[in-house]
Amino acid sequence: MFCMKEKVLNMTPNERKKLGINKSTLWYMKKNLSEGKTPKIYEKILLKIQ
């Protein structure tokens, strides 16, 4: 099973739309992960990703 980091980094725009995640939210999460920072993932988004 993928870890959360890999799942976010590999998410496609179609998957994002199906899960109901905003484009900017995914963009900031990917940006922070690629910079080595810990992204702030709110419970609402976390439940959609899992």
N, C-alpha and C. Protein backbone atom coordinates (compact mmCIF):
# COMPACT_ATOMS: atom_id res chain seq x y z
N MET A 1 0.85 -1.19 0.00
CA MET A 1 0.00 0.00 0.00
C MET A 1 0.88 1.24 0.00
N PHE A 2 0.45 2.24 -0.74
CA PHE A 2 1.20 3.49 -0.83
C PHE A 2 1.15 4.25 0.49
N CYS A 3 2.22 4.96 0.78
CA CYS A 3 2.15 5.85 1.94
C CYS A 3 1.49 7.14 1.49
N MET A 4 1.11 7.97 2.42
CA MET A 4 0.38 9.19 2.12
C MET A 4 1.17 10.12 1.19
N LYS A 5 2.49 10.22 1.42
CA LYS A 5 3.33 11.10 0.61
C LYS A 5 3.31 10.69 -0.85
N GLU A 6 3.49 9.41 -1.11
CA GLU A 6 3.49 8.91 -2.49
C GLU A 6 2.13 9.08 -3.14
N LYS A 7 1.08 8.87 -2.36
CA LYS A 7 -0.28 8.99 -2.89
C LYS A 7 -0.56 10.43 -3.34
N VAL A 8 -0.13 11.41 -2.54
CA VAL A 8 -0.34 12.81 -2.89
C VAL A 8 0.50 13.20 -4.09
N LEU A 9 1.77 12.80 -4.10
CA LEU A 9 2.67 13.18 -5.19
C LEU A 9 2.25 12.56 -6.52
N ASN A 10 1.64 11.38 -6.50
CA ASN A 10 1.26 10.70 -7.73
C ASN A 10 -0.19 10.95 -8.15
N MET A 11 -0.89 11.82 -7.43
CA MET A 11 -2.30 12.06 -7.72
C MET A 11 -2.46 12.83 -9.03
N THR A 12 -3.36 12.36 -9.87
CA THR A 12 -3.62 13.02 -11.14
C THR A 12 -4.78 14.01 -10.98
N PRO A 13 -4.92 14.94 -11.93
CA PRO A 13 -6.04 15.89 -11.85
C PRO A 13 -7.42 15.21 -11.81
N ASN A 14 -7.56 14.10 -12.54
CA ASN A 14 -8.86 13.40 -12.52
C ASN A 14 -9.14 12.78 -11.16
N GLU A 15 -8.12 12.22 -10.52
CA GLU A 15 -8.29 11.65 -9.18
C GLU A 15 -8.66 12.75 -8.19
N ARG A 16 -8.00 13.89 -8.33
CA ARG A 16 -8.26 15.04 -7.46
C ARG A 16 -9.72 15.47 -7.57
N LYS A 17 -10.22 15.55 -8.79
CA LYS A 17 -11.60 15.97 -9.01
C LYS A 17 -12.58 14.96 -8.41
N LYS A 18 -12.31 13.66 -8.60
CA LYS A 18 -13.20 12.63 -8.06
C LYS A 18 -13.26 12.67 -6.55
N LEU A 19 -12.13 13.02 -5.91
CA LEU A 19 -12.08 13.07 -4.44
C LEU A 19 -12.64 14.38 -3.90
N GLY A 20 -12.79 15.39 -4.77
CA GLY A 20 -13.32 16.67 -4.32
C GLY A 20 -12.29 17.54 -3.65
N ILE A 21 -11.04 17.45 -4.09
CA ILE A 21 -9.95 18.26 -3.52
C ILE A 21 -9.67 19.42 -4.47
N ASN A 22 -9.56 20.62 -3.94
CA ASN A 22 -9.28 21.79 -4.76
C ASN A 22 -7.90 21.70 -5.39
N LYS A 23 -7.78 22.32 -6.57
CA LYS A 23 -6.52 22.30 -7.31
C LYS A 23 -5.40 22.97 -6.51
N SER A 24 -5.71 24.08 -5.89
CA SER A 24 -4.69 24.79 -5.13
C SER A 24 -4.26 24.02 -3.89
N THR A 25 -5.18 23.31 -3.27
CA THR A 25 -4.85 22.50 -2.09
C THR A 25 -3.84 21.43 -2.45
N LEU A 26 -4.09 20.72 -3.55
CA LEU A 26 -3.18 19.68 -3.99
C LEU A 26 -1.84 20.28 -4.40
N TRP A 27 -1.88 21.44 -5.05
CA TRP A 27 -0.65 22.10 -5.50
C TRP A 27 0.24 22.43 -4.30
N TYR A 28 -0.34 23.02 -3.26
CA TYR A 28 0.45 23.38 -2.07
C TYR A 28 0.96 22.15 -1.34
N MET A 29 0.17 21.08 -1.28
CA MET A 29 0.63 19.86 -0.62
C MET A 29 1.82 19.27 -1.39
N LYS A 30 1.72 19.22 -2.73
CA LYS A 30 2.82 18.70 -3.54
C LYS A 30 4.06 19.58 -3.41
N LYS A 31 3.87 20.90 -3.39
CA LYS A 31 4.99 21.84 -3.27
C LYS A 31 5.73 21.62 -1.96
N ASN A 32 5.00 21.54 -0.87
CA ASN A 32 5.63 21.35 0.44
C ASN A 32 6.33 20.00 0.54
N LEU A 33 5.74 18.96 -0.01
CA LEU A 33 6.37 17.65 0.03
C LEU A 33 7.65 17.62 -0.79
N SER A 34 7.65 18.27 -1.95
CA SER A 34 8.85 18.26 -2.80
C SER A 34 9.98 19.09 -2.18
N GLU A 35 9.63 20.06 -1.35
CA GLU A 35 10.64 20.87 -0.66
C GLU A 35 11.11 20.22 0.63
N GLY A 36 10.56 19.09 0.98
CA GLY A 36 10.96 18.38 2.19
C GLY A 36 10.25 18.85 3.44
N LYS A 37 9.28 19.72 3.28
CA LYS A 37 8.51 20.21 4.43
C LYS A 37 7.35 19.26 4.72
N THR A 38 6.81 19.37 5.90
CA THR A 38 5.63 18.60 6.26
C THR A 38 4.41 19.42 5.89
N PRO A 39 3.57 18.90 4.98
CA PRO A 39 2.40 19.69 4.59
C PRO A 39 1.34 19.68 5.68
N LYS A 40 0.59 20.75 5.73
CA LYS A 40 -0.52 20.84 6.67
C LYS A 40 -1.73 20.24 5.98
N ILE A 41 -2.15 19.07 6.43
CA ILE A 41 -3.29 18.39 5.84
C ILE A 41 -4.41 18.36 6.87
N TYR A 42 -5.47 19.08 6.55
CA TYR A 42 -6.60 19.14 7.47
C TYR A 42 -7.39 17.83 7.42
N GLU A 43 -8.14 17.58 8.48
CA GLU A 43 -8.87 16.32 8.63
C GLU A 43 -9.82 16.07 7.46
N LYS A 44 -10.46 17.12 6.97
CA LYS A 44 -11.41 16.99 5.87
C LYS A 44 -10.72 16.41 4.62
N ILE A 45 -9.54 16.91 4.31
CA ILE A 45 -8.78 16.44 3.15
C ILE A 45 -8.19 15.06 3.43
N LEU A 46 -7.72 14.85 4.63
CA LEU A 46 -7.13 13.56 5.00
C LEU A 46 -8.14 12.43 4.84
N LEU A 47 -9.38 12.67 5.21
CA LEU A 47 -10.42 11.66 5.08
C LEU A 47 -10.71 11.35 3.61
N LYS A 48 -10.61 12.36 2.75
CA LYS A 48 -10.85 12.14 1.32
C LYS A 48 -9.73 11.34 0.70
N ILE A 49 -8.49 11.57 1.13
CA ILE A 49 -7.34 10.89 0.56
C ILE A 49 -7.31 9.43 0.98
N GLN A 50 -7.66 9.14 2.20
CA GLN A 50 -7.61 7.77 2.70
C GLN A 50 -8.74 7.02 2.16
